[in-house]
Amino acid sequence: MARRQRSSEPEGPNPYQVLGISTLATLEEVTASYRALAQQFHPDRHVDSPEPVRRQAERRMREVNQAFLALKKGAWLAPTVDSPIPTTSAPNPEAVRAARQRAYRAAREHTAQARAAQASRVQAKKSVPPGQARPTSKDRAAGRIVFGLGQAIYTNELTCRGCTSVQQLPPGWQDRLRDTGFSCSVCGRLILSA
């Protein structure tokens, strides 16, 4: 019994042609094209159509589905930046070293930014005890719509919609509301601004 050899090229019609897209299309573009064609050829849209039109739409829908599955599985996808491209020569050592240095510098900058952000969050948490609303400058609160002013006037406290903690407003908060907003001391979300 003769065995069939697997070819390196996927079988069937070219899915890029079926979906009407470039071979350099991203997965998002593939999905967008699939959705547009699926809406056009879906059998539910051709219920009242003549039999030949209905059969043609069903056939095209099958082709579109098969093309989308082939591209989604990655059988036809073009190599991306992340996938290695085979080369016949060794990479340039200088280029490799420069790329590693750039990556290392970028990682160090990212780490420094993350540490600074963490330090500012820790400092903010230490400055206001949990459960006490933290005053924030009005420029941070600008352009935001925040609910709960009625609850704040009645009880001098607000429930954060982000973490559901109850926040006590400081004495005299109504007088400061014109130039100050108030944030949750637990999650940092803006809870009151006018």
C-alpha atoms as a PDB file:
ATOM      1  CA  MET A   1       0.000   0.000   0.000  1.00  0.00           C
ATOM      2  CA  ALA A   2       1.488   3.317  -1.030  1.00  0.00           C
ATOM      3  CA  ARG A   3       1.673   6.072   1.512  1.00  0.00           C
ATOM      4  CA  ARG A   4       0.690   9.548   0.612  1.00  0.00           C
ATOM      5  CA  GLN A   5       3.450  12.031   1.280  1.00  0.00           C
ATOM      6  CA  ARG A   6       2.568  15.176   3.136  1.00  0.00           C
ATOM      7  CA  SER A   7       3.421  18.283   1.229  1.00  0.00           C
ATOM      8  CA  SER A   8       4.818  21.300   2.989  1.00  0.00           C
ATOM      9  CA  GLU A   9       2.175  23.453   1.305  1.00  0.00           C
ATOM     10  CA  PRO A  10      -1.312  23.322   2.912  1.00  0.00           C
ATOM     11  CA  GLU A  11      -4.064  21.805   0.802  1.00  0.00           C
ATOM     12  CA  GLY A  12      -7.126  23.494  -0.665  1.00  0.00           C
ATOM     13  CA  PRO A  13      -7.737  26.904  -2.198  1.00  0.00           C
ATOM     14  CA  ASN A  14      -5.629  29.821  -1.074  1.00  0.00           C
ATOM     15  CA  PRO A  15      -7.454  31.205   1.976  1.00  0.00           C
ATOM     16  CA  TYR A  16      -6.116  34.703   1.349  1.00  0.00           C
ATOM     17  CA  GLN A  17      -7.843  34.733  -2.047  1.00  0.00           C
ATOM     18  CA  VAL A  18     -11.040  33.285  -0.576  1.00  0.00           C
ATOM     19  CA  LEU A  19     -11.152  36.001   2.099  1.00  0.00           C
ATOM     20  CA  GLY A  20      -9.952  38.679  -0.333  1.00  0.00           C
ATOM     21  CA  ILE A  21      -7.015  39.863   1.790  1.00  0.00           C
ATOM     22  CA  SER A  22      -3.272  40.344   1.433  1.00  0.00           C
ATOM     23  CA  THR A  23      -0.843  37.580   2.389  1.00  0.00           C
ATOM     24  CA  LEU A  24       0.646  40.048   4.866  1.00  0.00           C
ATOM     25  CA  ALA A  25      -2.678  40.519   6.681  1.00  0.00           C
ATOM     26  CA  THR A  26      -2.713  40.385  10.463  1.00  0.00           C
ATOM     27  CA  LEU A  27      -4.994  38.072  12.406  1.00  0.00           C
ATOM     28  CA  GLU A  28      -7.259  41.059  13.168  1.00  0.00           C
ATOM     29  CA  GLU A  29      -7.609  41.801   9.442  1.00  0.00           C
ATOM     30  CA  VAL A  30      -8.308  38.117   8.754  1.00  0.00           C
ATOM     31  CA  THR A  31     -11.034  38.131  11.408  1.00  0.00           C
ATOM     32  CA  ALA A  32     -12.588  41.348  10.088  1.00  0.00           C
ATOM     33  CA  SER A  33     -12.706  39.988   6.533  1.00  0.00           C
ATOM     34  CA  TYR A  34     -14.173  36.698   7.760  1.00  0.00           C
ATOM     35  CA  ARG A  35     -16.929  38.478   9.686  1.00  0.00           C
ATOM     36  CA  ALA A  36     -17.859  40.644   6.700  1.00  0.00           C
ATOM     37  CA  LEU A  37     -18.040  37.660   4.335  1.00  0.00           C
ATOM     38  CA  ALA A  38     -19.874  35.522   6.898  1.00  0.00           C
ATOM     39  CA  GLN A  39     -22.558  38.183   7.173  1.00  0.00           C
ATOM     40  CA  GLN A  40     -22.829  38.359   3.389  1.00  0.00           C
ATOM     41  CA  PHE A  41     -23.059  34.605   2.718  1.00  0.00           C
ATOM     42  CA  HIS A  42     -24.705  33.296   5.909  1.00  0.00           C
ATOM     43  CA  PRO A  43     -27.560  30.884   5.067  1.00  0.00           C
ATOM     44  CA  ASP A  44     -30.021  32.799   7.261  1.00  0.00           C
ATOM     45  CA  ARG A  45     -29.730  35.765   4.904  1.00  0.00           C
ATOM     46  CA  HIS A  46     -30.741  33.642   1.889  1.00  0.00           C
ATOM     47  CA  VAL A  47     -33.793  31.779   3.208  1.00  0.00           C
ATOM     48  CA  ASP A  48     -36.152  33.449   0.730  1.00  0.00           C
ATOM     49  CA  SER A  49     -33.662  33.413  -2.168  1.00  0.00           C
ATOM     50  CA  PRO A  50     -33.997  31.081  -5.176  1.00  0.00           C
ATOM     51  CA  GLU A  51     -32.429  27.624  -4.822  1.00  0.00           C
ATOM     52  CA  PRO A  52     -29.323  28.317  -7.005  1.00  0.00           C
ATOM     53  CA  VAL A  53     -28.524  31.493  -5.055  1.00  0.00           C
ATOM     54  CA  ARG A  54     -29.001  29.657  -1.753  1.00  0.00           C
ATOM     55  CA  ARG A  55     -26.655  26.821  -2.842  1.00  0.00           C
ATOM     56  CA  GLN A  56     -24.052  29.314  -4.056  1.00  0.00           C
ATOM     57  CA  ALA A  57     -24.201  31.170  -0.701  1.00  0.00           C
ATOM     58  CA  GLU A  58     -23.843  27.892   1.237  1.00  0.00           C
ATOM     59  CA  ARG A  59     -20.842  26.877  -0.878  1.00  0.00           C
ATOM     60  CA  ARG A  60     -19.181  30.278  -0.397  1.00  0.00           C
ATOM     61  CA  MET A  61     -19.897  30.138   3.351  1.00  0.00           C
ATOM     62  CA  ARG A  62     -18.163  26.730   3.573  1.00  0.00           C
ATOM     63  CA  GLU A  63     -15.156  28.116   1.668  1.00  0.00           C
ATOM     64  CA  VAL A  64     -14.992  31.176   3.927  1.00  0.00           C
ATOM     65  CA  ASN A  65     -15.209  29.006   7.064  1.00  0.00           C
ATOM     66  CA  GLN A  66     -12.457  26.666   5.820  1.00  0.00           C
ATOM     67  CA  ALA A  67     -10.223  29.580   4.828  1.00  0.00           C
ATOM     68  CA  PHE A  68     -10.688  31.245   8.206  1.00  0.00           C
ATOM     69  CA  LEU A  69      -9.929  28.021  10.085  1.00  0.00           C
ATOM     70  CA  ALA A  70      -6.797  27.435   7.993  1.00  0.00           C
ATOM     71  CA  LEU A  71      -5.529  30.938   8.723  1.00  0.00           C
ATOM     72  CA  LYS A  72      -6.538  30.777  12.375  1.00  0.00           C
ATOM     73  CA  LYS A  73      -4.577  27.538  12.807  1.00  0.00           C
ATOM     74  CA  GLY A  74      -1.576  29.292  11.308  1.00  0.00           C
ATOM     75  CA  ALA A  75      -0.995  26.896   8.420  1.00  0.00           C
ATOM     76  CA  TRP A  76      -0.980  29.723   5.871  1.00  0.00           C
ATOM     77  CA  LEU A  77       0.098  32.662   7.989  1.00  0.00           C
ATOM     78  CA  ALA A  78       3.171  34.563   6.882  1.00  0.00           C
ATOM     79  CA  PRO A  79       6.102  34.601   9.289  1.00  0.00           C
ATOM     80  CA  THR A  80       5.821  37.323  11.908  1.00  0.00           C
ATOM     81  CA  VAL A  81       8.494  39.296  13.673  1.00  0.00           C
ATOM     82  CA  ASP A  82       8.352  36.800  16.543  1.00  0.00           C
ATOM     83  CA  SER A  83       8.798  33.713  14.361  1.00  0.00           C
ATOM     84  CA  PRO A  84      12.335  32.923  13.314  1.00  0.00           C
ATOM     85  CA  ILE A  85      13.187  33.160   9.631  1.00  0.00           C
ATOM     86  CA  PRO A  86      15.740  30.557   8.608  1.00  0.00           C
ATOM     87  CA  THR A  87      18.967  32.045   7.314  1.00  0.00           C
ATOM     88  CA  THR A  88      22.007  30.463   5.778  1.00  0.00           C
ATOM     89  CA  SER A  89      24.518  32.714   7.519  1.00  0.00           C
ATOM     90  CA  ALA A  90      25.235  33.353  11.175  1.00  0.00           C
ATOM     91  CA  PRO A  91      23.919  36.612  12.647  1.00  0.00           C
ATOM     92  CA  ASN A  92      26.241  39.571  12.895  1.00  0.00           C
ATOM     93  CA  PRO A  93      27.732  39.529  16.443  1.00  0.00           C
ATOM     94  CA  GLU A  94      27.792  43.336  16.601  1.00  0.00           C
ATOM     95  CA  ALA A  95      24.104  43.537  15.711  1.00  0.00           C
ATOM     96  CA  VAL A  96      23.268  40.882  18.301  1.00  0.00           C
ATOM     97  CA  ARG A  97      25.245  42.720  20.985  1.00  0.00           C
ATOM     98  CA  ALA A  98      23.603  46.056  20.107  1.00  0.00           C
ATOM     99  CA  ALA A  99      20.136  44.488  20.194  1.00  0.00           C
ATOM    100  CA  ARG A 100      20.824  42.940  23.598  1.00  0.00           C
ATOM    101  CA  GLN A 101      22.074  46.268  24.936  1.00  0.00           C
ATOM    102  CA  ARG A 102      18.945  48.046  23.687  1.00  0.00           C
ATOM    103  CA  ALA A 103      16.727  45.393  25.254  1.00  0.00           C
ATOM    104  CA  TYR A 104      18.663  45.586  28.533  1.00  0.00           C
ATOM    105  CA  ARG A 105      18.380  49.402  28.648  1.00  0.00           C
ATOM    106  CA  ALA A 106      14.657  49.236  27.901  1.00  0.00           C
ATOM    107  CA  ALA A 107      14.164  46.651  30.647  1.00  0.00           C
ATOM    108  CA  ARG A 108      16.097  48.789  33.145  1.00  0.00           C
ATOM    109  CA  GLU A 109      14.032  51.872  32.259  1.00  0.00           C
ATOM    110  CA  HIS A 110      10.808  49.903  32.620  1.00  0.00           C
ATOM    111  CA  THR A 111      11.933  48.531  35.992  1.00  0.00           C
ATOM    112  CA  ALA A 112      12.888  52.010  37.209  1.00  0.00           C
ATOM    113  CA  GLN A 113       9.493  53.394  36.170  1.00  0.00           C
ATOM    114  CA  ALA A 114       7.687  50.513  37.867  1.00  0.00           C
ATOM    115  CA  ARG A 115       9.661  51.029  41.087  1.00  0.00           C
ATOM    116  CA  ALA A 116       8.950  54.768  41.067  1.00  0.00           C
ATOM    117  CA  ALA A 117       5.242  54.153  40.513  1.00  0.00           C
ATOM    118  CA  GLN A 118       5.177  51.571  43.302  1.00  0.00           C
ATOM    119  CA  ALA A 119       6.984  53.964  45.654  1.00  0.00           C
ATOM    120  CA  SER A 120       4.456  56.712  44.930  1.00  0.00           C
ATOM    121  CA  ARG A 121       1.567  54.301  45.565  1.00  0.00           C
ATOM    122  CA  VAL A 122       3.113  53.188  48.860  1.00  0.00           C
ATOM    123  CA  GLN A 123       3.692  56.811  49.893  1.00  0.00           C
ATOM    124  CA  ALA A 124       0.109  57.706  49.033  1.00  0.00           C
ATOM    125  CA  LYS A 125      -1.216  54.789  51.067  1.00  0.00           C
ATOM    126  CA  LYS A 126       0.931  55.778  54.046  1.00  0.00           C
ATOM    127  CA  SER A 127      -0.201  59.409  53.916  1.00  0.00           C
ATOM    128  CA  VAL A 128      -3.911  58.586  54.183  1.00  0.00           C
ATOM    129  CA  PRO A 129      -5.137  55.672  56.312  1.00  0.00           C
ATOM    130  CA  PRO A 130      -7.414  53.112  54.669  1.00  0.00           C
ATOM    131  CA  GLY A 131     -11.025  54.150  54.788  1.00  0.00           C
ATOM    132  CA  GLN A 132     -10.234  57.875  54.558  1.00  0.00           C
ATOM    133  CA  ALA A 133     -10.820  59.549  51.203  1.00  0.00           C
ATOM    134  CA  ARG A 134      -7.594  60.988  49.800  1.00  0.00           C
ATOM    135  CA  PRO A 135      -7.697  64.585  48.467  1.00  0.00           C
ATOM    136  CA  THR A 136      -6.473  64.920  44.870  1.00  0.00           C
ATOM    137  CA  SER A 137      -5.724  67.974  42.770  1.00  0.00           C
ATOM    138  CA  LYS A 138      -8.566  69.171  40.582  1.00  0.00           C
ATOM    139  CA  ASP A 139      -6.574  68.826  37.330  1.00  0.00           C
ATOM    140  CA  ARG A 140      -6.552  65.027  37.820  1.00  0.00           C
ATOM    141  CA  ALA A 141     -10.280  65.084  38.429  1.00  0.00           C
ATOM    142  CA  ALA A 142     -11.067  67.380  35.493  1.00  0.00           C
ATOM    143  CA  GLY A 143     -13.520  66.080  32.952  1.00  0.00           C
ATOM    144  CA  ARG A 144     -14.758  63.196  35.083  1.00  0.00           C
ATOM    145  CA  ILE A 145     -18.323  62.540  36.081  1.00  0.00           C
ATOM    146  CA  VAL A 146     -18.549  61.055  39.539  1.00  0.00           C
ATOM    147  CA  PHE A 147     -21.703  59.966  41.334  1.00  0.00           C
ATOM    148  CA  GLY A 148     -22.468  60.009  45.053  1.00  0.00           C
ATOM    149  CA  LEU A 149     -22.667  63.669  46.046  1.00  0.00           C
ATOM    150  CA  GLY A 150     -26.056  63.112  47.708  1.00  0.00           C
ATOM    151  CA  GLN A 151     -24.696  60.233  49.791  1.00  0.00           C
ATOM    152  CA  ALA A 152     -21.642  62.314  50.699  1.00  0.00           C
ATOM    153  CA  ILE A 153     -23.728  65.279  51.879  1.00  0.00           C
ATOM    154  CA  TYR A 154     -26.015  63.061  53.933  1.00  0.00           C
ATOM    155  CA  THR A 155     -23.458  60.685  55.535  1.00  0.00           C
ATOM    156  CA  ASN A 156     -19.989  62.282  55.014  1.00  0.00           C
ATOM    157  CA  GLU A 157     -18.881  59.015  53.439  1.00  0.00           C
ATOM    158  CA  LEU A 158     -18.873  57.403  50.002  1.00  0.00           C
ATOM    159  CA  THR A 159     -18.712  53.848  48.710  1.00  0.00           C
ATOM    160  CA  CYS A 160     -15.987  53.370  46.106  1.00  0.00           C
ATOM    161  CA  ARG A 161     -17.400  51.840  42.927  1.00  0.00           C
ATOM    162  CA  GLY A 162     -14.027  50.248  42.142  1.00  0.00           C
ATOM    163  CA  CYS A 163     -13.279  48.270  45.303  1.00  0.00           C
ATOM    164  CA  THR A 164     -16.571  48.813  47.236  1.00  0.00           C
ATOM    165  CA  SER A 165     -14.776  50.134  50.328  1.00  0.00           C
ATOM    166  CA  VAL A 166     -16.514  52.813  52.378  1.00  0.00           C
ATOM    167  CA  GLN A 167     -14.479  56.035  52.449  1.00  0.00           C
ATOM    168  CA  GLN A 168     -14.869  58.695  55.150  1.00  0.00           C
ATOM    169  CA  LEU A 169     -14.657  62.241  53.828  1.00  0.00           C
ATOM    170  CA  PRO A 170     -12.477  64.665  55.838  1.00  0.00           C
ATOM    171  CA  PRO A 171     -14.059  67.489  57.838  1.00  0.00           C
ATOM    172  CA  GLY A 172     -14.780  70.545  55.702  1.00  0.00           C
ATOM    173  CA  TRP A 173     -14.782  68.581  52.442  1.00  0.00           C
ATOM    174  CA  GLN A 174     -17.667  70.655  51.047  1.00  0.00           C
ATOM    175  CA  ASP A 175     -15.581  73.848  51.271  1.00  0.00           C
ATOM    176  CA  ARG A 176     -12.659  72.208  49.420  1.00  0.00           C
ATOM    177  CA  LEU A 177     -14.757  70.587  46.681  1.00  0.00           C
ATOM    178  CA  ARG A 178     -14.390  73.542  44.287  1.00  0.00           C
ATOM    179  CA  ASP A 179     -10.622  72.959  43.880  1.00  0.00           C
ATOM    180  CA  THR A 180     -10.148  69.413  45.215  1.00  0.00           C
ATOM    181  CA  GLY A 181     -11.426  65.973  44.267  1.00  0.00           C
ATOM    182  CA  PHE A 182     -11.333  62.918  46.527  1.00  0.00           C
ATOM    183  CA  SER A 183      -9.926  59.475  45.687  1.00  0.00           C
ATOM    184  CA  CYS A 184     -10.317  56.076  47.316  1.00  0.00           C
ATOM    185  CA  SER A 185      -7.464  55.360  49.728  1.00  0.00           C
ATOM    186  CA  VAL A 186      -7.561  51.651  48.857  1.00  0.00           C
ATOM    187  CA  CYS A 187      -7.649  51.511  45.045  1.00  0.00           C
ATOM    188  CA  GLY A 188      -6.922  55.156  44.108  1.00  0.00           C
ATOM    189  CA  ARG A 189     -10.072  55.582  42.018  1.00  0.00           C
ATOM    190  CA  LEU A 190     -11.652  59.051  41.938  1.00  0.00           C
ATOM    191  CA  ILE A 191     -14.810  58.900  44.056  1.00  0.00           C
ATOM    192  CA  LEU A 192     -15.938  62.532  44.351  1.00  0.00           C
ATOM    193  CA  SER A 193     -15.429  65.596  42.195  1.00  0.00           C
ATOM    194  CA  ALA A 194     -17.678  68.460  41.245  1.00  0.00           C
END
